[in-house]
N, C-alpha and C. Protein backbone atom coordinates (compact mmCIF):
# COMPACT_ATOMS: atom_id res chain seq x y z
N UNK A 1 21.07 4.85 22.09
CA UNK A 1 20.91 3.47 21.68
C UNK A 1 21.55 3.26 20.30
N UNK A 2 22.29 2.19 20.14
CA UNK A 2 22.97 1.87 18.89
C UNK A 2 21.97 1.43 17.83
N UNK A 3 22.13 1.94 16.62
CA UNK A 3 21.33 1.49 15.49
C UNK A 3 22.21 0.63 14.58
N UNK A 4 21.69 -0.51 14.19
CA UNK A 4 22.37 -1.35 13.22
C UNK A 4 22.16 -0.75 11.83
N UNK A 5 23.02 -1.11 10.91
CA UNK A 5 22.97 -0.50 9.58
C UNK A 5 21.61 -0.69 8.90
N UNK A 6 20.99 -1.84 9.05
CA UNK A 6 19.70 -2.07 8.40
C UNK A 6 18.61 -1.18 8.97
N UNK A 7 18.72 -0.79 10.24
CA UNK A 7 17.71 0.06 10.87
C UNK A 7 17.70 1.47 10.29
N UNK A 8 18.76 1.83 9.61
CA UNK A 8 18.88 3.14 8.99
C UNK A 8 18.32 3.17 7.57
N UNK A 9 18.03 2.01 7.03
CA UNK A 9 17.54 1.91 5.66
C UNK A 9 16.05 2.23 5.58
N UNK A 10 15.70 3.17 4.69
CA UNK A 10 14.28 3.50 4.50
C UNK A 10 13.50 2.28 4.02
N UNK A 11 14.14 1.48 3.17
CA UNK A 11 13.49 0.27 2.66
C UNK A 11 13.11 -0.66 3.81
N UNK A 12 13.99 -0.83 4.79
CA UNK A 12 13.71 -1.73 5.90
C UNK A 12 12.59 -1.16 6.77
N UNK A 13 12.58 0.17 6.95
CA UNK A 13 11.51 0.81 7.72
C UNK A 13 10.16 0.60 7.04
N UNK A 14 10.14 0.73 5.72
CA UNK A 14 8.90 0.50 4.96
C UNK A 14 8.44 -0.94 5.10
N UNK A 15 9.37 -1.87 5.01
CA UNK A 15 9.02 -3.28 5.13
C UNK A 15 8.51 -3.59 6.53
N UNK A 16 9.09 -2.96 7.52
CA UNK A 16 8.62 -3.16 8.90
C UNK A 16 7.15 -2.78 9.03
N UNK A 17 6.77 -1.67 8.41
CA UNK A 17 5.35 -1.27 8.40
C UNK A 17 4.51 -2.26 7.60
N UNK A 18 5.07 -2.76 6.51
CA UNK A 18 4.39 -3.75 5.69
C UNK A 18 4.12 -5.03 6.49
N UNK A 19 5.12 -5.46 7.26
CA UNK A 19 4.96 -6.65 8.11
C UNK A 19 3.80 -6.45 9.08
N UNK A 20 3.75 -5.30 9.71
CA UNK A 20 2.67 -5.01 10.66
C UNK A 20 1.31 -5.05 9.96
N UNK A 21 1.24 -4.47 8.77
CA UNK A 21 -0.02 -4.45 8.02
C UNK A 21 -0.47 -5.86 7.65
N UNK A 22 0.47 -6.68 7.19
CA UNK A 22 0.12 -8.06 6.81
C UNK A 22 -0.32 -8.86 8.03
N UNK A 23 0.34 -8.68 9.16
CA UNK A 23 -0.07 -9.36 10.38
C UNK A 23 -1.49 -8.95 10.77
N UNK A 24 -1.77 -7.67 10.69
CA UNK A 24 -3.11 -7.18 11.05
C UNK A 24 -4.17 -7.75 10.11
N UNK A 25 -3.87 -7.75 8.83
CA UNK A 25 -4.81 -8.30 7.84
C UNK A 25 -5.02 -9.79 8.07
N UNK A 26 -3.93 -10.52 8.27
CA UNK A 26 -4.04 -11.98 8.40
C UNK A 26 -4.68 -12.40 9.72
N UNK A 27 -4.77 -11.49 10.67
CA UNK A 27 -5.51 -11.79 11.91
C UNK A 27 -6.97 -12.11 11.62
N UNK A 28 -7.47 -11.60 10.51
CA UNK A 28 -8.88 -11.78 10.16
C UNK A 28 -9.13 -12.97 9.23
N UNK A 29 -8.08 -13.72 8.92
CA UNK A 29 -8.28 -14.93 8.11
C UNK A 29 -9.07 -15.95 8.93
N UNK A 30 -9.80 -16.81 8.26
CA UNK A 30 -10.55 -17.83 9.00
C UNK A 30 -9.62 -18.75 9.79
N UNK A 31 -10.15 -19.30 10.86
CA UNK A 31 -9.37 -20.19 11.72
C UNK A 31 -8.77 -21.34 10.93
N UNK A 32 -9.48 -21.82 9.94
CA UNK A 32 -8.98 -22.95 9.13
C UNK A 32 -7.69 -22.62 8.40
N UNK A 33 -7.35 -21.34 8.27
CA UNK A 33 -6.13 -20.93 7.58
C UNK A 33 -4.97 -20.64 8.53
N UNK A 34 -5.18 -20.84 9.83
CA UNK A 34 -4.13 -20.50 10.79
C UNK A 34 -2.87 -21.32 10.60
N UNK A 35 -2.98 -22.53 10.14
CA UNK A 35 -1.79 -23.36 9.87
C UNK A 35 -1.50 -23.44 8.38
N UNK A 36 -2.21 -22.66 7.59
CA UNK A 36 -2.03 -22.67 6.15
C UNK A 36 -1.58 -21.32 5.64
N UNK A 37 -2.47 -20.66 4.94
CA UNK A 37 -2.14 -19.39 4.29
C UNK A 37 -1.69 -18.32 5.30
N UNK A 38 -2.32 -18.26 6.44
CA UNK A 38 -1.96 -17.25 7.44
C UNK A 38 -0.50 -17.39 7.88
N UNK A 39 -0.11 -18.59 8.23
CA UNK A 39 1.28 -18.80 8.66
C UNK A 39 2.25 -18.59 7.50
N UNK A 40 1.90 -19.05 6.33
CA UNK A 40 2.77 -18.93 5.16
C UNK A 40 3.01 -17.47 4.81
N UNK A 41 1.96 -16.68 4.79
CA UNK A 41 2.10 -15.28 4.41
C UNK A 41 2.90 -14.52 5.47
N UNK A 42 2.73 -14.88 6.71
CA UNK A 42 3.50 -14.22 7.78
C UNK A 42 4.98 -14.58 7.71
N UNK A 43 5.28 -15.84 7.47
CA UNK A 43 6.69 -16.25 7.35
C UNK A 43 7.36 -15.56 6.17
N UNK A 44 6.67 -15.50 5.05
CA UNK A 44 7.24 -14.86 3.87
C UNK A 44 7.44 -13.36 4.10
N UNK A 45 6.51 -12.73 4.78
CA UNK A 45 6.62 -11.30 5.06
C UNK A 45 7.81 -11.01 5.97
N UNK A 46 7.95 -11.80 7.01
CA UNK A 46 9.08 -11.61 7.92
C UNK A 46 10.40 -11.91 7.19
N UNK A 47 10.37 -12.83 6.26
CA UNK A 47 11.56 -13.16 5.48
C UNK A 47 12.07 -11.96 4.69
N UNK A 48 11.16 -11.12 4.23
CA UNK A 48 11.57 -9.92 3.48
C UNK A 48 12.45 -9.04 4.37
N UNK A 49 11.96 -8.71 5.55
CA UNK A 49 12.72 -7.83 6.44
C UNK A 49 13.99 -8.52 6.95
N UNK A 50 13.91 -9.81 7.19
CA UNK A 50 15.09 -10.55 7.67
C UNK A 50 16.21 -10.56 6.64
N UNK A 51 15.87 -10.76 5.38
CA UNK A 51 16.89 -10.80 4.35
C UNK A 51 17.50 -9.43 4.08
N UNK A 52 16.71 -8.39 4.21
CA UNK A 52 17.27 -7.04 4.09
C UNK A 52 18.27 -6.81 5.22
N UNK A 53 17.88 -7.19 6.42
CA UNK A 53 18.77 -7.01 7.58
C UNK A 53 20.04 -7.84 7.41
N UNK A 54 19.88 -9.10 7.04
CA UNK A 54 21.05 -9.96 6.89
C UNK A 54 21.98 -9.47 5.79
N UNK A 55 21.41 -9.03 4.69
CA UNK A 55 22.22 -8.53 3.59
C UNK A 55 23.00 -7.28 3.95
N UNK A 56 22.43 -6.47 4.83
CA UNK A 56 23.13 -5.23 5.21
C UNK A 56 24.41 -5.52 5.99
N UNK A 57 24.49 -6.71 6.56
CA UNK A 57 25.67 -7.08 7.32
C UNK A 57 26.75 -7.75 6.50
N UNK A 58 26.49 -7.98 5.23
CA UNK A 58 27.48 -8.62 4.36
C UNK A 58 28.49 -7.59 3.86
N UNK A 59 29.70 -8.05 3.68
CA UNK A 59 30.78 -7.13 3.34
C UNK A 59 30.85 -6.76 1.86
N UNK A 60 30.52 -7.70 1.00
CA UNK A 60 30.63 -7.40 -0.43
C UNK A 60 29.27 -6.95 -0.99
N UNK A 61 29.36 -6.11 -2.02
CA UNK A 61 28.14 -5.66 -2.68
C UNK A 61 27.41 -6.82 -3.35
N UNK A 62 28.19 -7.79 -3.82
CA UNK A 62 27.59 -8.96 -4.46
C UNK A 62 26.72 -9.73 -3.47
N UNK A 63 27.21 -9.92 -2.26
CA UNK A 63 26.42 -10.62 -1.24
C UNK A 63 25.21 -9.79 -0.81
N UNK A 64 25.42 -8.48 -0.67
CA UNK A 64 24.30 -7.61 -0.30
C UNK A 64 23.20 -7.68 -1.36
N UNK A 65 23.61 -7.66 -2.62
CA UNK A 65 22.65 -7.74 -3.72
C UNK A 65 21.92 -9.07 -3.71
N UNK A 66 22.63 -10.13 -3.37
CA UNK A 66 22.01 -11.47 -3.32
C UNK A 66 20.87 -11.48 -2.29
N UNK A 67 21.12 -10.92 -1.11
CA UNK A 67 20.08 -10.92 -0.08
C UNK A 67 18.94 -9.97 -0.43
N UNK A 68 19.25 -8.89 -1.11
CA UNK A 68 18.18 -7.99 -1.58
C UNK A 68 17.31 -8.72 -2.59
N UNK A 69 17.94 -9.50 -3.45
CA UNK A 69 17.18 -10.28 -4.44
C UNK A 69 16.30 -11.31 -3.75
N UNK A 70 16.81 -11.97 -2.73
CA UNK A 70 16.02 -12.95 -1.98
C UNK A 70 14.84 -12.25 -1.30
N UNK A 71 15.09 -11.07 -0.73
CA UNK A 71 14.01 -10.30 -0.09
C UNK A 71 12.93 -9.95 -1.11
N UNK A 72 13.36 -9.53 -2.30
CA UNK A 72 12.40 -9.19 -3.36
C UNK A 72 11.58 -10.42 -3.77
N UNK A 73 12.23 -11.55 -3.87
CA UNK A 73 11.53 -12.79 -4.21
C UNK A 73 10.49 -13.14 -3.14
N UNK A 74 10.85 -12.95 -1.88
CA UNK A 74 9.90 -13.20 -0.79
C UNK A 74 8.73 -12.23 -0.86
N UNK A 75 9.01 -10.99 -1.24
CA UNK A 75 7.95 -10.00 -1.39
C UNK A 75 6.96 -10.42 -2.48
N UNK A 76 7.48 -10.95 -3.58
CA UNK A 76 6.60 -11.46 -4.63
C UNK A 76 5.77 -12.63 -4.13
N UNK A 77 6.36 -13.46 -3.29
CA UNK A 77 5.65 -14.57 -2.66
C UNK A 77 4.48 -14.03 -1.84
N UNK A 78 4.73 -12.99 -1.06
CA UNK A 78 3.68 -12.38 -0.24
C UNK A 78 2.56 -11.83 -1.12
N UNK A 79 2.93 -11.14 -2.19
CA UNK A 79 1.90 -10.58 -3.08
C UNK A 79 1.06 -11.68 -3.71
N UNK A 80 1.68 -12.77 -4.08
CA UNK A 80 0.93 -13.90 -4.62
C UNK A 80 -0.04 -14.46 -3.58
N UNK A 81 0.42 -14.55 -2.35
CA UNK A 81 -0.44 -15.06 -1.28
C UNK A 81 -1.57 -14.10 -0.96
N UNK A 82 -1.31 -12.80 -1.07
CA UNK A 82 -2.38 -11.82 -0.89
C UNK A 82 -3.43 -11.97 -1.99
N UNK A 83 -2.99 -12.31 -3.20
CA UNK A 83 -3.93 -12.55 -4.30
C UNK A 83 -4.81 -13.76 -3.98
N UNK A 84 -4.22 -14.79 -3.42
CA UNK A 84 -4.99 -15.97 -3.01
C UNK A 84 -6.00 -15.57 -1.94
N UNK A 85 -5.56 -14.77 -0.98
CA UNK A 85 -6.47 -14.32 0.08
C UNK A 85 -7.62 -13.50 -0.50
N UNK A 86 -7.31 -12.68 -1.49
CA UNK A 86 -8.35 -11.91 -2.17
C UNK A 86 -9.31 -12.84 -2.91
N UNK A 87 -8.76 -13.79 -3.66
CA UNK A 87 -9.59 -14.74 -4.41
C UNK A 87 -10.50 -15.54 -3.48
N UNK A 88 -9.99 -15.87 -2.29
CA UNK A 88 -10.78 -16.64 -1.33
C UNK A 88 -11.72 -15.75 -0.51
N UNK A 89 -11.67 -14.44 -0.79
CA UNK A 89 -12.51 -13.45 -0.12
C UNK A 89 -12.18 -13.27 1.37
N UNK A 90 -10.92 -13.54 1.71
CA UNK A 90 -10.44 -13.28 3.07
C UNK A 90 -10.12 -11.80 3.24
N UNK A 91 -9.81 -11.13 2.11
CA UNK A 91 -9.59 -9.69 2.12
C UNK A 91 -10.35 -9.10 0.94
N UNK A 92 -10.70 -7.82 1.06
CA UNK A 92 -11.40 -7.17 -0.05
C UNK A 92 -10.41 -6.46 -0.96
N UNK A 93 -10.92 -5.93 -2.05
CA UNK A 93 -10.05 -5.31 -3.05
C UNK A 93 -9.30 -4.11 -2.50
N UNK A 94 -9.96 -3.28 -1.71
CA UNK A 94 -9.27 -2.10 -1.19
C UNK A 94 -8.15 -2.48 -0.22
N UNK A 95 -8.35 -3.52 0.56
CA UNK A 95 -7.29 -4.00 1.46
C UNK A 95 -6.12 -4.54 0.65
N UNK A 96 -6.44 -5.31 -0.39
CA UNK A 96 -5.38 -5.84 -1.25
C UNK A 96 -4.57 -4.71 -1.87
N UNK A 97 -5.25 -3.74 -2.43
CA UNK A 97 -4.57 -2.64 -3.10
C UNK A 97 -3.75 -1.82 -2.11
N UNK A 98 -4.26 -1.67 -0.90
CA UNK A 98 -3.56 -0.90 0.13
C UNK A 98 -2.19 -1.51 0.44
N UNK A 99 -2.13 -2.82 0.56
CA UNK A 99 -0.86 -3.47 0.90
C UNK A 99 -0.03 -3.79 -0.32
N UNK A 100 -0.65 -4.01 -1.44
CA UNK A 100 0.09 -4.40 -2.65
C UNK A 100 0.78 -3.21 -3.31
N UNK A 101 0.36 -2.03 -3.00
CA UNK A 101 0.96 -0.85 -3.65
C UNK A 101 1.98 -0.21 -2.80
């Protein structure tokens, strides 16, 4: 089976696991957050892996760096949203630390 360049990146593999962890955690958010924080955090998390993948297909290092920067910005977005989830008591401190580190 053919592997795309992004599938060979350790960073992308780590983010793929991160996406799974965030999905699992957000499954336990209250129903009232299904169209709010839950959807937002999931979109931002998927955006991290998507931008890494998209950047790996760019020809110039400058473009690759741009997409890596966008992925990093999305990751910060996710961490901020996890802080909100912690503040709202949707997740506990150990869960937050597990995904944030």
